[in-house]
Amino acid sequence: AEYHRKVDEARGYPEEFVDALTKAGWMAA
C-alpha cells in the first residue's frame, strides 16, 4: 500500500509496477 500511496501523492505513474506486470507476462494475457 505504501508504494501506491506514494505514487498517488506524487501524482505519478506506477512505472515499476507496470513493468513488473509486463515482465511477468500478465500484460500480454
PDB file of all heavy atoms in Angstrom:
ATOM      1  N   ALA A   1       0.815  -1.212   0.000  1.00  0.00           N
ATOM      2  CA  ALA A   1       0.000   0.000   0.000  1.00  0.00           C
ATOM      3  C   ALA A   1       0.848   1.262   0.000  1.00  0.00           C
ATOM      4  O   ALA A   1       0.491   2.264  -0.640  1.00  0.00           O
ATOM      5  CB  ALA A   1      -0.933  -0.009   1.210  1.00  0.00           C
ATOM      6  N   GLU A   2       1.976   1.223   0.687  1.00  0.00           N
ATOM      7  CA  GLU A   2       2.843   2.401   0.746  1.00  0.00           C
ATOM      8  C   GLU A   2       3.309   2.826  -0.637  1.00  0.00           C
ATOM      9  O   GLU A   2       3.422   4.030  -0.923  1.00  0.00           O
ATOM     10  CB  GLU A   2       4.071   2.123   1.631  1.00  0.00           C
ATOM     11  CG  GLU A   2       3.757   1.946   3.100  1.00  0.00           C
ATOM     12  CD  GLU A   2       3.222   0.557   3.436  1.00  0.00           C
ATOM     13  OE1 GLU A   2       3.232  -0.316   2.533  1.00  0.00           O
ATOM     14  OE2 GLU A   2       2.790   0.350   4.584  1.00  0.00           O
ATOM     15  N   TYR A   3       3.579   1.862  -1.505  1.00  0.00           N
ATOM     16  CA  TYR A   3       4.019   2.176  -2.865  1.00  0.00           C
ATOM     17  C   TYR A   3       2.933   2.935  -3.619  1.00  0.00           C
ATOM     18  O   TYR A   3       3.182   4.002  -4.199  1.00  0.00           O
ATOM     19  CB  TYR A   3       4.376   0.889  -3.613  1.00  0.00           C
ATOM     20  CG  TYR A   3       4.622   1.098  -5.096  1.00  0.00           C
ATOM     21  CD1 TYR A   3       5.856   1.543  -5.562  1.00  0.00           C
ATOM     22  CD2 TYR A   3       3.608   0.858  -6.022  1.00  0.00           C
ATOM     23  CE1 TYR A   3       6.077   1.752  -6.921  1.00  0.00           C
ATOM     24  CE2 TYR A   3       3.816   1.063  -7.375  1.00  0.00           C
ATOM     25  CZ  TYR A   3       5.054   1.512  -7.819  1.00  0.00           C
ATOM     26  OH  TYR A   3       5.261   1.723  -9.171  1.00  0.00           O
ATOM     27  N   HIS A   4       1.725   2.401  -3.625  1.00  0.00           N
ATOM     28  CA  HIS A   4       0.629   3.029  -4.359  1.00  0.00           C
ATOM     29  C   HIS A   4       0.255   4.376  -3.743  1.00  0.00           C
ATOM     30  O   HIS A   4      -0.136   5.306  -4.455  1.00  0.00           O
ATOM     31  CB  HIS A   4      -0.573   2.093  -4.389  1.00  0.00           C
ATOM     32  CG  HIS A   4      -0.310   0.817  -5.137  1.00  0.00           C
ATOM     33  ND1 HIS A   4      -0.180   0.771  -6.502  1.00  0.00           N
ATOM     34  CD2 HIS A   4      -0.143  -0.455  -4.689  1.00  0.00           C
ATOM     35  CE1 HIS A   4       0.051  -0.480  -6.880  1.00  0.00           C
ATOM     36  NE2 HIS A   4       0.079  -1.237  -5.798  1.00  0.00           N
ATOM     37  N   ARG A   5       0.393   4.478  -2.414  1.00  0.00           N
ATOM     38  CA  ARG A   5       0.099   5.735  -1.740  1.00  0.00           C
ATOM     39  C   ARG A   5       1.070   6.826  -2.176  1.00  0.00           C
ATOM     40  O   ARG A   5       0.676   7.958  -2.457  1.00  0.00           O
ATOM     41  CB  ARG A   5       0.167   5.536  -0.226  1.00  0.00           C
ATOM     42  CG  ARG A   5      -0.455   6.658   0.593  1.00  0.00           C
ATOM     43  CD  ARG A   5      -0.295   6.367   2.081  1.00  0.00           C
ATOM     44  NE  ARG A   5      -0.746   5.014   2.403  1.00  0.00           N
ATOM     45  CZ  ARG A   5      -0.105   4.187   3.231  1.00  0.00           C
ATOM     46  NH1 ARG A   5       1.023   4.560   3.798  1.00  0.00           N
ATOM     47  NH2 ARG A   5      -0.591   2.975   3.485  1.00  0.00           N
ATOM     48  N   LYS A   6       2.345   6.487  -2.270  1.00  0.00           N
ATOM     49  CA  LYS A   6       3.356   7.467  -2.676  1.00  0.00           C
ATOM     50  C   LYS A   6       3.173   7.881  -4.135  1.00  0.00           C
ATOM     51  O   LYS A   6       3.346   9.048  -4.487  1.00  0.00           O
ATOM     52  CB  LYS A   6       4.756   6.891  -2.449  1.00  0.00           C
ATOM     53  CG  LYS A   6       5.138   6.801  -0.983  1.00  0.00           C
ATOM     54  CD  LYS A   6       6.520   6.185  -0.802  1.00  0.00           C
ATOM     55  CE  LYS A   6       6.888   6.094   0.676  1.00  0.00           C
ATOM     56  NZ  LYS A   6       8.217   5.453   0.879  1.00  0.00           N
ATOM     57  N   VAL A   7       2.819   6.927  -4.985  1.00  0.00           N
ATOM     58  CA  VAL A   7       2.559   7.254  -6.393  1.00  0.00           C
ATOM     59  C   VAL A   7       1.388   8.220  -6.485  1.00  0.00           C
ATOM     60  O   VAL A   7       1.419   9.199  -7.244  1.00  0.00           O
ATOM     61  CB  VAL A   7       2.273   5.970  -7.207  1.00  0.00           C
ATOM     62  CG1 VAL A   7       1.735   6.321  -8.598  1.00  0.00           C
ATOM     63  CG2 VAL A   7       3.530   5.120  -7.332  1.00  0.00           C
ATOM     64  N   ASP A   8       0.352   7.961  -5.687  1.00  0.00           N
ATOM     65  CA  ASP A   8      -0.825   8.828  -5.699  1.00  0.00           C
ATOM     66  C   ASP A   8      -0.479  10.223  -5.191  1.00  0.00           C
ATOM     67  O   ASP A   8      -0.890  11.229  -5.785  1.00  0.00           O
ATOM     68  CB  ASP A   8      -1.922   8.209  -4.836  1.00  0.00           C
ATOM     69  CG  ASP A   8      -3.197   9.044  -4.828  1.00  0.00           C
ATOM     70  OD1 ASP A   8      -3.881   9.100  -5.857  1.00  0.00           O
ATOM     71  OD2 ASP A   8      -3.498   9.650  -3.778  1.00  0.00           O
ATOM     72  N   GLU A   9       0.271  10.292  -4.111  1.00  0.00           N
ATOM     73  CA  GLU A   9       0.642  11.584  -3.526  1.00  0.00           C
ATOM     74  C   GLU A   9       1.476  12.414  -4.500  1.00  0.00           C
ATOM     75  O   GLU A   9       1.336  13.636  -4.568  1.00  0.00           O
ATOM     76  CB  GLU A   9       1.411  11.367  -2.223  1.00  0.00           C
ATOM     77  CG  GLU A   9       0.545  10.840  -1.083  1.00  0.00           C
ATOM     78  CD  GLU A   9       1.371  10.446   0.133  1.00  0.00           C
ATOM     79  OE1 GLU A   9       2.623  10.519   0.045  1.00  0.00           O
ATOM     80  OE2 GLU A   9       0.771  10.050   1.150  1.00  0.00           O
ATOM     81  N   ALA A  10       2.325  11.750  -5.279  1.00  0.00           N
ATOM     82  CA  ALA A  10       3.183  12.445  -6.240  1.00  0.00           C
ATOM     83  C   ALA A  10       2.474  12.679  -7.572  1.00  0.00           C
ATOM     84  O   ALA A  10       3.046  13.288  -8.471  1.00  0.00           O
ATOM     85  CB  ALA A  10       4.461  11.639  -6.468  1.00  0.00           C
ATOM     86  N   ARG A  11       1.246  12.195  -7.673  1.00  0.00           N
ATOM     87  CA  ARG A  11       0.505  12.223  -8.939  1.00  0.00           C
ATOM     88  C   ARG A  11       1.379  11.656 -10.055  1.00  0.00           C
ATOM     89  O   ARG A  11       1.472  12.193 -11.157  1.00  0.00           O
ATOM     90  CB  ARG A  11       0.024  13.641  -9.269  1.00  0.00           C
ATOM     91  CG  ARG A  11      -0.869  14.258  -8.200  1.00  0.00           C
ATOM     92  CD  ARG A  11      -1.597  15.498  -8.663  1.00  0.00           C
ATOM     93  NE  ARG A  11      -2.705  15.163  -9.541  1.00  0.00           N
ATOM     94  CZ  ARG A  11      -3.943  14.893  -9.128  1.00  0.00           C
ATOM     95  NH1 ARG A  11      -4.229  14.911  -7.839  1.00  0.00           N
ATOM     96  NH2 ARG A  11      -4.890  14.600  -9.989  1.00  0.00           N
ATOM     97  N   GLY A  12       2.026  10.541  -9.720  1.00  0.00           N
ATOM     98  CA  GLY A  12       2.935   9.895 -10.653  1.00  0.00           C
ATOM     99  C   GLY A  12       2.293   8.713 -11.357  1.00  0.00           C
ATOM    100  O   GLY A  12       1.088   8.469 -11.244  1.00  0.00           O
ATOM    101  N   TYR A  13       3.121   7.978 -12.076  1.00  0.00           N
ATOM    102  CA  TYR A  13       2.677   6.784 -12.789  1.00  0.00           C
ATOM    103  C   TYR A  13       3.454   5.597 -12.228  1.00  0.00           C
ATOM    104  O   TYR A  13       4.679   5.678 -12.046  1.00  0.00           O
ATOM    105  CB  TYR A  13       2.945   6.937 -14.287  1.00  0.00           C
ATOM    106  CG  TYR A  13       2.448   5.786 -15.126  1.00  0.00           C
ATOM    107  CD1 TYR A  13       1.106   5.696 -15.484  1.00  0.00           C
ATOM    108  CD2 TYR A  13       3.316   4.788 -15.553  1.00  0.00           C
ATOM    109  CE1 TYR A  13       0.650   4.633 -16.254  1.00  0.00           C
ATOM    110  CE2 TYR A  13       2.864   3.719 -16.324  1.00  0.00           C
ATOM    111  CZ  TYR A  13       1.529   3.649 -16.670  1.00  0.00           C
ATOM    112  OH  TYR A  13       1.070   2.593 -17.435  1.00  0.00           O
ATOM    113  N   PRO A  14       2.791   4.489 -11.938  1.00  0.00           N
ATOM    114  CA  PRO A  14       3.473   3.348 -11.321  1.00  0.00           C
ATOM    115  C   PRO A  14       4.324   2.550 -12.319  1.00  0.00           C
ATOM    116  O   PRO A  14       4.029   1.388 -12.628  1.00  0.00           O
ATOM    117  CB  PRO A  14       2.313   2.516 -10.768  1.00  0.00           C
ATOM    118  CG  PRO A  14       1.188   2.794 -11.713  1.00  0.00           C
ATOM    119  CD  PRO A  14       1.342   4.238 -12.100  1.00  0.00           C
ATOM    120  N   GLU A  15       5.373   3.171 -12.813  1.00  0.00           N
ATOM    121  CA  GLU A  15       6.213   2.557 -13.844  1.00  0.00           C
ATOM    122  C   GLU A  15       6.747   1.195 -13.414  1.00  0.00           C
ATOM    123  O   GLU A  15       6.697   0.219 -14.176  1.00  0.00           O
ATOM    124  CB  GLU A  15       7.387   3.480 -14.190  1.00  0.00           C
ATOM    125  CG  GLU A  15       7.019   4.701 -15.002  1.00  0.00           C
ATOM    126  CD  GLU A  15       6.827   4.404 -16.482  1.00  0.00           C
ATOM    127  OE1 GLU A  15       6.963   3.230 -16.879  1.00  0.00           O
ATOM    128  OE2 GLU A  15       6.532   5.348 -17.232  1.00  0.00           O
ATOM    129  N   GLU A  16       7.268   1.128 -12.189  1.00  0.00           N
ATOM    130  CA  GLU A  16       7.874  -0.120 -11.715  1.00  0.00           C
ATOM    131  C   GLU A  16       6.843  -1.240 -11.652  1.00  0.00           C
ATOM    132  O   GLU A  16       7.133  -2.389 -12.004  1.00  0.00           O
ATOM    133  CB  GLU A  16       8.514   0.078 -10.341  1.00  0.00           C
ATOM    134  CG  GLU A  16       9.568   1.166 -10.277  1.00  0.00           C
ATOM    135  CD  GLU A  16       9.005   2.551 -10.016  1.00  0.00           C
ATOM    136  OE1 GLU A  16       7.757   2.695  -9.978  1.00  0.00           O
ATOM    137  OE2 GLU A  16       9.811   3.491  -9.853  1.00  0.00           O
ATOM    138  N   PHE A  17       5.653  -0.895 -11.214  1.00  0.00           N
ATOM    139  CA  PHE A  17       4.581  -1.883 -11.100  1.00  0.00           C
ATOM    140  C   PHE A  17       4.150  -2.381 -12.474  1.00  0.00           C
ATOM    141  O   PHE A  17       4.028  -3.596 -12.697  1.00  0.00           O
ATOM    142  CB  PHE A  17       3.403  -1.264 -10.351  1.00  0.00           C
ATOM    143  CG  PHE A  17       2.231  -2.197 -10.166  1.00  0.00           C
ATOM    144  CD1 PHE A  17       2.378  -3.401  -9.502  1.00  0.00           C
ATOM    145  CD2 PHE A  17       0.979  -1.862 -10.657  1.00  0.00           C
ATOM    146  CE1 PHE A  17       1.303  -4.268  -9.322  1.00  0.00           C
ATOM    147  CE2 PHE A  17      -0.106  -2.713 -10.487  1.00  0.00           C
ATOM    148  CZ  PHE A  17       0.056  -3.916  -9.821  1.00  0.00           C
ATOM    149  N   VAL A  18       3.936  -1.469 -13.406  1.00  0.00           N
ATOM    150  CA  VAL A  18       3.513  -1.853 -14.757  1.00  0.00           C
ATOM    151  C   VAL A  18       4.617  -2.648 -15.447  1.00  0.00           C
ATOM    152  O   VAL A  18       4.349  -3.635 -16.149  1.00  0.00           O
ATOM    153  CB  VAL A  18       3.118  -0.612 -15.584  1.00  0.00           C
ATOM    154  CG1 VAL A  18       2.783  -1.013 -17.022  1.00  0.00           C
ATOM    155  CG2 VAL A  18       1.924   0.095 -14.947  1.00  0.00           C
ATOM    156  N   ASP A  19       5.865  -2.262 -15.241  1.00  0.00           N
ATOM    157  CA  ASP A  19       6.987  -3.009 -15.821  1.00  0.00           C
ATOM    158  C   ASP A  19       7.032  -4.432 -15.268  1.00  0.00           C
ATOM    159  O   ASP A  19       7.293  -5.395 -16.006  1.00  0.00           O
ATOM    160  CB  ASP A  19       8.315  -2.304 -15.539  1.00  0.00           C
ATOM    161  CG  ASP A  19       8.516  -1.071 -16.413  1.00  0.00           C
ATOM    162  OD1 ASP A  19       7.798  -0.932 -17.424  1.00  0.00           O
ATOM    163  OD2 ASP A  19       9.388  -0.244 -16.079  1.00  0.00           O
ATOM    164  N   ALA A  20       6.782  -4.569 -13.977  1.00  0.00           N
ATOM    165  CA  ALA A  20       6.791  -5.892 -13.358  1.00  0.00           C
ATOM    166  C   ALA A  20       5.669  -6.766 -13.923  1.00  0.00           C
ATOM    167  O   ALA A  20       5.875  -7.962 -14.195  1.00  0.00           O
ATOM    168  CB  ALA A  20       6.653  -5.767 -11.839  1.00  0.00           C
ATOM    169  N   LEU A  21       4.485  -6.181 -14.104  1.00  0.00           N
ATOM    170  CA  LEU A  21       3.368  -6.914 -14.712  1.00  0.00           C
ATOM    171  C   LEU A  21       3.715  -7.354 -16.126  1.00  0.00           C
ATOM    172  O   LEU A  21       3.396  -8.474 -16.544  1.00  0.00           O
ATOM    173  CB  LEU A  21       2.116  -6.035 -14.744  1.00  0.00           C
ATOM    174  CG  LEU A  21       1.401  -5.771 -13.422  1.00  0.00           C
ATOM    175  CD1 LEU A  21       0.372  -4.661 -13.590  1.00  0.00           C
ATOM    176  CD2 LEU A  21       0.717  -7.039 -12.904  1.00  0.00           C
ATOM    177  N   THR A  22       4.389  -6.475 -16.860  1.00  0.00           N
ATOM    178  CA  THR A  22       4.761  -6.781 -18.241  1.00  0.00           C
ATOM    179  C   THR A  22       5.790  -7.901 -18.287  1.00  0.00           C
ATOM    180  O   THR A  22       5.652  -8.856 -19.058  1.00  0.00           O
ATOM    181  CB  THR A  22       5.324  -5.522 -18.930  1.00  0.00           C
ATOM    182  OG1 THR A  22       4.351  -4.469 -18.873  1.00  0.00           O
ATOM    183  CG2 THR A  22       5.650  -5.811 -20.391  1.00  0.00           C
ATOM    184  N   LYS A  23       6.830  -7.787 -17.465  1.00  0.00           N
ATOM    185  CA  LYS A  23       7.887  -8.806 -17.447  1.00  0.00           C
ATOM    186  C   LYS A  23       7.347 -10.170 -17.025  1.00  0.00           C
ATOM    187  O   LYS A  23       7.836 -11.213 -17.479  1.00  0.00           O
ATOM    188  CB  LYS A  23       9.014  -8.361 -16.519  1.00  0.00           C
ATOM    189  CG  LYS A  23       9.818  -7.190 -17.065  1.00  0.00           C
ATOM    190  CD  LYS A  23      10.863  -6.703 -16.067  1.00  0.00           C
ATOM    191  CE  LYS A  23      11.604  -5.490 -16.608  1.00  0.00           C
ATOM    192  NZ  LYS A  23      12.574  -4.930 -15.622  1.00  0.00           N
ATOM    193  N   ALA A  24       6.343 -10.166 -16.169  1.00  0.00           N
ATOM    194  CA  ALA A  24       5.745 -11.431 -15.730  1.00  0.00           C
ATOM    195  C   ALA A  24       4.791 -12.012 -16.770  1.00  0.00           C
ATOM    196  O   ALA A  24       4.298 -13.131 -16.600  1.00  0.00           O
ATOM    197  CB  ALA A  24       5.011 -11.218 -14.409  1.00  0.00           C
ATOM    198  N   GLY A  25       4.518 -11.249 -17.826  1.00  0.00           N
ATOM    199  CA  GLY A  25       3.661 -11.732 -18.905  1.00  0.00           C
ATOM    200  C   GLY A  25       2.196 -11.409 -18.761  1.00  0.00           C
ATOM    201  O   GLY A  25       1.399 -11.729 -19.659  1.00  0.00           O
ATOM    202  N   TRP A  26       1.805 -10.750 -17.668  1.00  0.00           N
ATOM    203  CA  TRP A  26       0.376 -10.513 -17.440  1.00  0.00           C
ATOM    204  C   TRP A  26      -0.207  -9.509 -18.420  1.00  0.00           C
ATOM    205  O   TRP A  26      -1.383  -9.609 -18.785  1.00  0.00           O
ATOM    206  CB  TRP A  26       0.143 -10.044 -16.002  1.00  0.00           C
ATOM    207  CG  TRP A  26       0.547 -11.050 -14.976  1.00  0.00           C
ATOM    208  CD1 TRP A  26       1.484 -10.916 -13.994  1.00  0.00           C
ATOM    209  CD2 TRP A  26       0.040 -12.386 -14.835  1.00  0.00           C
ATOM    210  NE1 TRP A  26       1.597 -12.072 -13.256  1.00  0.00           N
ATOM    211  CE2 TRP A  26       0.716 -12.991 -13.755  1.00  0.00           C
ATOM    212  CE3 TRP A  26      -0.919 -13.137 -15.529  1.00  0.00           C
ATOM    213  CZ2 TRP A  26       0.467 -14.297 -13.344  1.00  0.00           C
ATOM    214  CZ3 TRP A  26      -1.170 -14.446 -15.110  1.00  0.00           C
ATOM    215  CH2 TRP A  26      -0.480 -15.005 -14.037  1.00  0.00           C
ATOM    216  N   MET A  27       0.583  -8.550 -18.882  1.00  0.00           N
ATOM    217  CA  MET A  27       0.063  -7.563 -19.821  1.00  0.00           C
ATOM    218  C   MET A  27      -0.082  -8.121 -21.232  1.00  0.00           C
ATOM    219  O   MET A  27      -0.633  -7.466 -22.119  1.00  0.00           O
ATOM    220  CB  MET A  27       0.958  -6.321 -19.841  1.00  0.00           C
ATOM    221  CG  MET A  27       1.054  -5.591 -18.517  1.00  0.00           C
ATOM    222  SD  MET A  27      -0.560  -5.259 -17.765  1.00  0.00           S
ATOM    223  CE  MET A  27      -1.317  -4.233 -19.001  1.00  0.00           C
ATOM    224  N   ALA A  28       0.414  -9.332 -21.448  1.00  0.00           N
ATOM    225  CA  ALA A  28       0.285  -9.992 -22.746  1.00  0.00           C
ATOM    226  C   ALA A  28      -0.739 -11.121 -22.690  1.00  0.00           C
ATOM    227  O   ALA A  28      -0.765 -11.990 -23.564  1.00  0.00           O
ATOM    228  CB  ALA A  28       1.638 -10.539 -23.201  1.00  0.00           C
ATOM    229  N   ALA A  29      -1.578 -11.091 -21.682  1.00  0.00           N
ATOM    230  CA  ALA A  29      -2.521 -12.193 -21.459  1.00  0.00           C
ATOM    231  C   ALA A  29      -3.419 -12.448 -22.664  1.00  0.00           C
ATOM    232  O   ALA A  29      -3.697 -13.608 -23.015  1.00  0.00           O
ATOM    233  CB  ALA A  29      -3.376 -11.901 -20.230  1.00  0.00           C
TER     234      ALA A  29
END
